[in-house]
Amino acid sequence: MHEIRIAEDLSVIVLDAARKENLSKVTKVNISFGQMVQIVPDIFEFAFRETVRNSIAQDAETDIEIIPVKMKCKNCGSDFQVKENLFACNECNSTDLEIIQGKELFIKSIEGE
C-alpha cells in the first residue's frame, strides 16, 4: 500500500504550499497519477484524509486524474496507448518499447482561501 507513503509526501507539499501562499484553508487539491504508479484512488483518498486531519486541508476535495500508459515501439516507431496491460506494439507485436507517459505523479494545482 504505497498510497499511504504517497499521501504523506503529497500532504507535506500541499501544506507547505498553502503556508507559503498564506492560505487559511485548502479547498481542493488536483492530482495526476500515471497508470503505472498503480494507485488505488479510494485508498489514496483515505490515506490523504488521514494525513491532513486537523490541518487547514482537512476538508479539501481531491480530484484525481489517472493518466493512461502510452508507449513508443523501438522496432517500428509506432505510438500507442496500452490497453488491458498488454505491453506489445499494436502494429508489429514487438515488446521493445519506450514509455512515453504513464509514470507521472504530481500535484496539478492547490485551491484555497
N, C-alpha and C. Protein backbone atom coordinates (compact mmCIF):
# COMPACT_ATOMS: atom_id res chain seq x y z
N MET A 1 0.84 -1.19 0.00
CA MET A 1 0.00 0.00 0.00
C MET A 1 0.88 1.25 0.00
N HIS A 2 1.47 1.51 -1.15
CA HIS A 2 2.31 2.69 -1.28
C HIS A 2 1.49 3.98 -1.28
N GLU A 3 0.17 3.85 -1.35
CA GLU A 3 -0.71 5.03 -1.32
C GLU A 3 -0.49 5.85 -0.04
N ILE A 4 -0.21 5.17 1.06
CA ILE A 4 -0.02 5.86 2.34
C ILE A 4 1.21 6.75 2.27
N ARG A 5 2.31 6.21 1.78
CA ARG A 5 3.55 6.99 1.67
C ARG A 5 3.39 8.17 0.71
N ILE A 6 2.73 7.91 -0.42
CA ILE A 6 2.50 8.98 -1.39
C ILE A 6 1.61 10.06 -0.78
N ALA A 7 0.56 9.66 -0.07
CA ALA A 7 -0.33 10.62 0.58
C ALA A 7 0.43 11.46 1.61
N GLU A 8 1.31 10.82 2.38
CA GLU A 8 2.11 11.56 3.36
C GLU A 8 2.98 12.61 2.67
N ASP A 9 3.67 12.19 1.62
CA ASP A 9 4.56 13.12 0.90
C ASP A 9 3.78 14.26 0.25
N LEU A 10 2.66 13.94 -0.39
CA LEU A 10 1.87 14.99 -1.05
C LEU A 10 1.22 15.93 -0.05
N SER A 11 0.83 15.42 1.11
CA SER A 11 0.22 16.31 2.11
C SER A 11 1.24 17.32 2.63
N VAL A 12 2.49 16.92 2.75
CA VAL A 12 3.54 17.86 3.16
C VAL A 12 3.69 18.96 2.11
N ILE A 13 3.69 18.57 0.84
CA ILE A 13 3.81 19.56 -0.24
C ILE A 13 2.61 20.50 -0.25
N VAL A 14 1.42 19.96 -0.10
CA VAL A 14 0.19 20.78 -0.09
C VAL A 14 0.22 21.77 1.06
N LEU A 15 0.54 21.31 2.25
CA LEU A 15 0.53 22.19 3.42
C LEU A 15 1.64 23.24 3.35
N ASP A 16 2.81 22.87 2.85
CA ASP A 16 3.89 23.84 2.66
C ASP A 16 3.49 24.92 1.66
N ALA A 17 2.90 24.50 0.54
CA ALA A 17 2.47 25.47 -0.48
C ALA A 17 1.39 26.39 0.07
N ALA A 18 0.47 25.83 0.85
CA ALA A 18 -0.60 26.65 1.44
C ALA A 18 -0.03 27.69 2.40
N ARG A 19 0.96 27.29 3.20
CA ARG A 19 1.60 28.24 4.13
C ARG A 19 2.30 29.36 3.37
N LYS A 20 3.02 28.99 2.31
CA LYS A 20 3.75 29.99 1.51
C LYS A 20 2.81 30.99 0.86
N GLU A 21 1.61 30.54 0.53
CA GLU A 21 0.62 31.41 -0.12
C GLU A 21 -0.33 32.06 0.90
N ASN A 22 -0.05 31.86 2.18
CA ASN A 22 -0.86 32.42 3.28
C ASN A 22 -2.33 32.03 3.19
N LEU A 23 -2.59 30.77 2.83
CA LEU A 23 -3.97 30.29 2.77
C LEU A 23 -4.44 29.94 4.18
N SER A 24 -5.68 30.25 4.45
CA SER A 24 -6.26 29.87 5.74
C SER A 24 -6.98 28.53 5.63
N LYS A 25 -7.26 28.11 4.38
CA LYS A 25 -7.97 26.87 4.14
C LYS A 25 -7.65 26.37 2.74
N VAL A 26 -7.38 25.07 2.62
CA VAL A 26 -7.22 24.43 1.31
C VAL A 26 -8.57 23.81 0.97
N THR A 27 -9.10 24.19 -0.19
CA THR A 27 -10.43 23.71 -0.57
C THR A 27 -10.40 22.57 -1.59
N LYS A 28 -9.34 22.51 -2.39
CA LYS A 28 -9.28 21.47 -3.42
C LYS A 28 -7.82 21.21 -3.80
N VAL A 29 -7.52 19.92 -4.02
CA VAL A 29 -6.20 19.52 -4.48
C VAL A 29 -6.40 18.66 -5.73
N ASN A 30 -5.81 19.08 -6.84
CA ASN A 30 -5.91 18.36 -8.11
C ASN A 30 -4.61 17.60 -8.33
N ILE A 31 -4.73 16.27 -8.45
CA ILE A 31 -3.56 15.40 -8.50
C ILE A 31 -3.62 14.52 -9.75
N SER A 32 -2.47 14.30 -10.37
CA SER A 32 -2.37 13.39 -11.52
C SER A 32 -1.45 12.23 -11.18
N PHE A 33 -1.92 11.04 -11.49
CA PHE A 33 -1.13 9.82 -11.31
C PHE A 33 -1.07 9.09 -12.64
N GLY A 34 0.12 8.70 -13.04
CA GLY A 34 0.24 7.83 -14.20
C GLY A 34 -0.28 6.45 -13.84
N GLN A 35 -0.86 5.80 -14.78
CA GLN A 35 -1.44 4.47 -14.55
C GLN A 35 -0.40 3.49 -14.01
N MET A 36 0.87 3.66 -14.39
CA MET A 36 1.91 2.74 -13.93
C MET A 36 2.28 2.95 -12.46
N VAL A 37 1.84 4.05 -11.88
CA VAL A 37 2.06 4.25 -10.45
C VAL A 37 1.19 3.26 -9.66
N GLN A 38 0.16 2.77 -10.31
CA GLN A 38 -0.75 1.76 -9.76
C GLN A 38 -1.38 2.20 -8.44
N ILE A 39 -1.87 3.42 -8.46
CA ILE A 39 -2.55 3.96 -7.28
C ILE A 39 -4.00 3.47 -7.27
N VAL A 40 -4.50 3.16 -6.09
CA VAL A 40 -5.91 2.84 -5.92
C VAL A 40 -6.54 4.11 -5.36
N PRO A 41 -7.34 4.83 -6.18
CA PRO A 41 -7.85 6.13 -5.76
C PRO A 41 -8.54 6.13 -4.39
N ASP A 42 -9.37 5.15 -4.09
CA ASP A 42 -10.07 5.13 -2.80
C ASP A 42 -9.10 5.00 -1.63
N ILE A 43 -8.08 4.17 -1.80
CA ILE A 43 -7.09 4.00 -0.72
C ILE A 43 -6.28 5.28 -0.57
N PHE A 44 -5.89 5.89 -1.71
CA PHE A 44 -5.15 7.15 -1.64
C PHE A 44 -5.99 8.22 -0.94
N GLU A 45 -7.26 8.32 -1.33
CA GLU A 45 -8.16 9.32 -0.76
C GLU A 45 -8.24 9.15 0.76
N PHE A 46 -8.42 7.92 1.22
CA PHE A 46 -8.48 7.65 2.67
C PHE A 46 -7.17 8.05 3.35
N ALA A 47 -6.05 7.64 2.76
CA ALA A 47 -4.74 7.96 3.35
C ALA A 47 -4.51 9.47 3.38
N PHE A 48 -4.87 10.16 2.31
CA PHE A 48 -4.70 11.61 2.27
C PHE A 48 -5.53 12.27 3.36
N ARG A 49 -6.79 11.83 3.52
CA ARG A 49 -7.67 12.37 4.57
C ARG A 49 -7.02 12.24 5.95
N GLU A 50 -6.40 11.10 6.18
CA GLU A 50 -5.75 10.86 7.48
C GLU A 50 -4.53 11.76 7.67
N THR A 51 -3.77 11.97 6.61
CA THR A 51 -2.54 12.77 6.74
C THR A 51 -2.80 14.26 6.89
N VAL A 52 -3.97 14.72 6.45
CA VAL A 52 -4.28 16.16 6.58
C VAL A 52 -5.29 16.43 7.70
N ARG A 53 -5.64 15.40 8.44
CA ARG A 53 -6.59 15.58 9.55
C ARG A 53 -6.08 16.67 10.50
N ASN A 54 -6.99 17.51 10.97
CA ASN A 54 -6.68 18.60 11.90
C ASN A 54 -5.72 19.63 11.30
N SER A 55 -5.77 19.80 9.99
CA SER A 55 -4.96 20.82 9.34
C SER A 55 -5.88 21.70 8.49
N ILE A 56 -5.30 22.71 7.86
CA ILE A 56 -6.11 23.60 7.03
C ILE A 56 -6.60 22.91 5.75
N ALA A 57 -6.14 21.68 5.51
CA ALA A 57 -6.57 20.93 4.32
C ALA A 57 -7.53 19.79 4.67
N GLN A 58 -7.98 19.74 5.91
CA GLN A 58 -8.79 18.59 6.33
C GLN A 58 -10.10 18.43 5.56
N ASP A 59 -10.66 19.50 5.05
CA ASP A 59 -11.92 19.41 4.30
C ASP A 59 -11.72 19.56 2.79
N ALA A 60 -10.47 19.52 2.36
CA ALA A 60 -10.19 19.72 0.93
C ALA A 60 -10.73 18.58 0.09
N GLU A 61 -11.31 18.96 -1.04
CA GLU A 61 -11.74 17.98 -2.03
C GLU A 61 -10.50 17.55 -2.81
N THR A 62 -10.45 16.28 -3.19
CA THR A 62 -9.35 15.83 -4.04
C THR A 62 -9.92 15.41 -5.39
N ASP A 63 -9.26 15.86 -6.43
CA ASP A 63 -9.63 15.48 -7.79
C ASP A 63 -8.45 14.70 -8.35
N ILE A 64 -8.67 13.42 -8.60
CA ILE A 64 -7.59 12.54 -9.05
C ILE A 64 -7.78 12.21 -10.52
N GLU A 65 -6.73 12.48 -11.30
CA GLU A 65 -6.72 12.14 -12.72
C GLU A 65 -5.74 10.98 -12.91
N ILE A 66 -6.17 9.93 -13.60
CA ILE A 66 -5.30 8.82 -13.94
C ILE A 66 -4.87 8.99 -15.40
N ILE A 67 -3.58 9.10 -15.62
CA ILE A 67 -3.02 9.30 -16.95
C ILE A 67 -2.71 7.92 -17.55
N PRO A 68 -3.29 7.61 -18.71
CA PRO A 68 -3.07 6.28 -19.30
C PRO A 68 -1.62 6.09 -19.76
N VAL A 69 -1.22 4.84 -19.87
CA VAL A 69 0.13 4.50 -20.33
C VAL A 69 0.18 4.60 -21.86
N LYS A 70 1.17 5.34 -22.33
CA LYS A 70 1.43 5.42 -23.77
C LYS A 70 2.87 4.96 -23.99
N MET A 71 3.04 4.20 -25.06
CA MET A 71 4.35 3.64 -25.37
C MET A 71 4.74 3.98 -26.81
N LYS A 72 6.04 3.88 -27.08
CA LYS A 72 6.58 4.01 -28.43
C LYS A 72 7.36 2.74 -28.72
N CYS A 73 7.05 2.13 -29.83
CA CYS A 73 7.75 0.91 -30.23
C CYS A 73 9.12 1.29 -30.79
N LYS A 74 10.17 0.69 -30.25
CA LYS A 74 11.52 0.95 -30.74
C LYS A 74 11.80 0.21 -32.05
N ASN A 75 10.96 -0.75 -32.36
CA ASN A 75 11.14 -1.53 -33.59
C ASN A 75 10.56 -0.81 -34.81
N CYS A 76 9.27 -0.39 -34.73
CA CYS A 76 8.62 0.21 -35.91
C CYS A 76 8.30 1.70 -35.73
N GLY A 77 8.48 2.22 -34.52
CA GLY A 77 8.25 3.65 -34.27
C GLY A 77 6.81 4.02 -33.97
N SER A 78 5.93 3.07 -33.90
CA SER A 78 4.51 3.34 -33.64
C SER A 78 4.29 3.78 -32.19
N ASP A 79 3.42 4.78 -32.00
CA ASP A 79 2.98 5.21 -30.67
C ASP A 79 1.61 4.60 -30.40
N PHE A 80 1.38 4.13 -29.19
CA PHE A 80 0.09 3.53 -28.87
C PHE A 80 -0.19 3.61 -27.38
N GLN A 81 -1.47 3.54 -27.04
CA GLN A 81 -1.91 3.53 -25.65
C GLN A 81 -2.07 2.07 -25.22
N VAL A 82 -1.50 1.74 -24.07
CA VAL A 82 -1.59 0.37 -23.55
C VAL A 82 -3.00 0.11 -23.06
N LYS A 83 -3.55 -1.02 -23.49
CA LYS A 83 -4.88 -1.41 -23.06
C LYS A 83 -4.80 -2.81 -22.48
N GLU A 84 -5.52 -3.01 -21.40
CA GLU A 84 -5.61 -4.32 -20.74
C GLU A 84 -4.24 -4.87 -20.36
N ASN A 85 -3.31 -3.97 -20.01
CA ASN A 85 -1.96 -4.34 -19.59
C ASN A 85 -1.22 -5.21 -20.60
N LEU A 86 -1.49 -5.01 -21.88
CA LEU A 86 -0.77 -5.72 -22.92
C LEU A 86 0.36 -4.82 -23.41
N PHE A 87 1.58 -5.16 -23.01
CA PHE A 87 2.74 -4.35 -23.34
C PHE A 87 3.44 -4.91 -24.57
N ALA A 88 2.77 -4.78 -25.71
CA ALA A 88 3.31 -5.17 -27.00
C ALA A 88 2.76 -4.21 -28.04
N CYS A 89 3.58 -3.92 -29.03
CA CYS A 89 3.20 -2.97 -30.08
C CYS A 89 1.95 -3.46 -30.82
N ASN A 90 1.04 -2.53 -31.04
CA ASN A 90 -0.19 -2.83 -31.77
C ASN A 90 0.07 -3.12 -33.26
N GLU A 91 1.17 -2.59 -33.78
CA GLU A 91 1.47 -2.73 -35.21
C GLU A 91 2.32 -3.97 -35.52
N CYS A 92 3.42 -4.15 -34.76
CA CYS A 92 4.37 -5.23 -35.10
C CYS A 92 4.52 -6.28 -34.00
N ASN A 93 3.83 -6.06 -32.88
CA ASN A 93 3.82 -7.01 -31.75
C ASN A 93 5.16 -7.08 -31.00
N SER A 94 6.06 -6.14 -31.25
CA SER A 94 7.34 -6.10 -30.55
C SER A 94 7.12 -5.71 -29.08
N THR A 95 8.00 -6.19 -28.23
CA THR A 95 7.96 -5.79 -26.81
C THR A 95 9.14 -4.88 -26.47
N ASP A 96 9.86 -4.42 -27.48
CA ASP A 96 10.95 -3.47 -27.29
C ASP A 96 10.33 -2.07 -27.33
N LEU A 97 9.93 -1.60 -26.14
CA LEU A 97 9.11 -0.39 -26.03
C LEU A 97 9.74 0.66 -25.13
N GLU A 98 9.34 1.89 -25.37
CA GLU A 98 9.75 3.02 -24.54
C GLU A 98 8.48 3.65 -23.97
N ILE A 99 8.51 3.96 -22.67
CA ILE A 99 7.35 4.59 -22.04
C ILE A 99 7.36 6.09 -22.38
N ILE A 100 6.26 6.56 -22.94
CA ILE A 100 6.10 7.98 -23.26
C ILE A 100 5.38 8.69 -22.13
N GLN A 101 4.36 8.05 -21.59
CA GLN A 101 3.59 8.63 -20.49
C GLN A 101 2.97 7.51 -19.68
N GLY A 102 2.70 7.83 -18.40
CA GLY A 102 2.04 6.86 -17.54
C GLY A 102 2.75 6.63 -16.23
N LYS A 103 3.92 7.30 -16.02
CA LYS A 103 4.66 7.16 -14.77
C LYS A 103 4.59 8.43 -13.91
N GLU A 104 3.77 9.40 -14.34
CA GLU A 104 3.71 10.69 -13.67
C GLU A 104 3.11 10.57 -12.26
N LEU A 105 3.48 11.51 -11.44
CA LEU A 105 2.88 11.66 -10.11
C LEU A 105 3.13 13.12 -9.72
N PHE A 106 2.08 13.94 -9.78
CA PHE A 106 2.27 15.35 -9.44
C PHE A 106 0.97 16.01 -9.01
N ILE A 107 1.14 17.10 -8.30
CA ILE A 107 0.02 17.94 -7.91
C ILE A 107 -0.15 18.97 -9.01
N LYS A 108 -1.32 18.96 -9.66
CA LYS A 108 -1.59 19.92 -10.74
C LYS A 108 -1.86 21.29 -10.18
N SER A 109 -2.68 21.35 -9.11
CA SER A 109 -3.00 22.64 -8.52
C SER A 109 -3.55 22.46 -7.11
N ILE A 110 -3.45 23.55 -6.36
CA ILE A 110 -4.00 23.60 -5.00
C ILE A 110 -4.87 24.84 -4.94
N GLU A 111 -6.11 24.65 -4.51
CA GLU A 111 -7.03 25.78 -4.40
C GLU A 111 -7.33 26.04 -2.93
N GLY A 112 -7.56 27.31 -2.62
CA GLY A 112 -7.87 27.64 -1.23
C GLY A 112 -8.29 29.07 -1.04
N GLU A 113 -8.48 29.41 0.21
CA GLU A 113 -8.90 30.76 0.59
C GLU A 113 -7.83 31.43 1.43
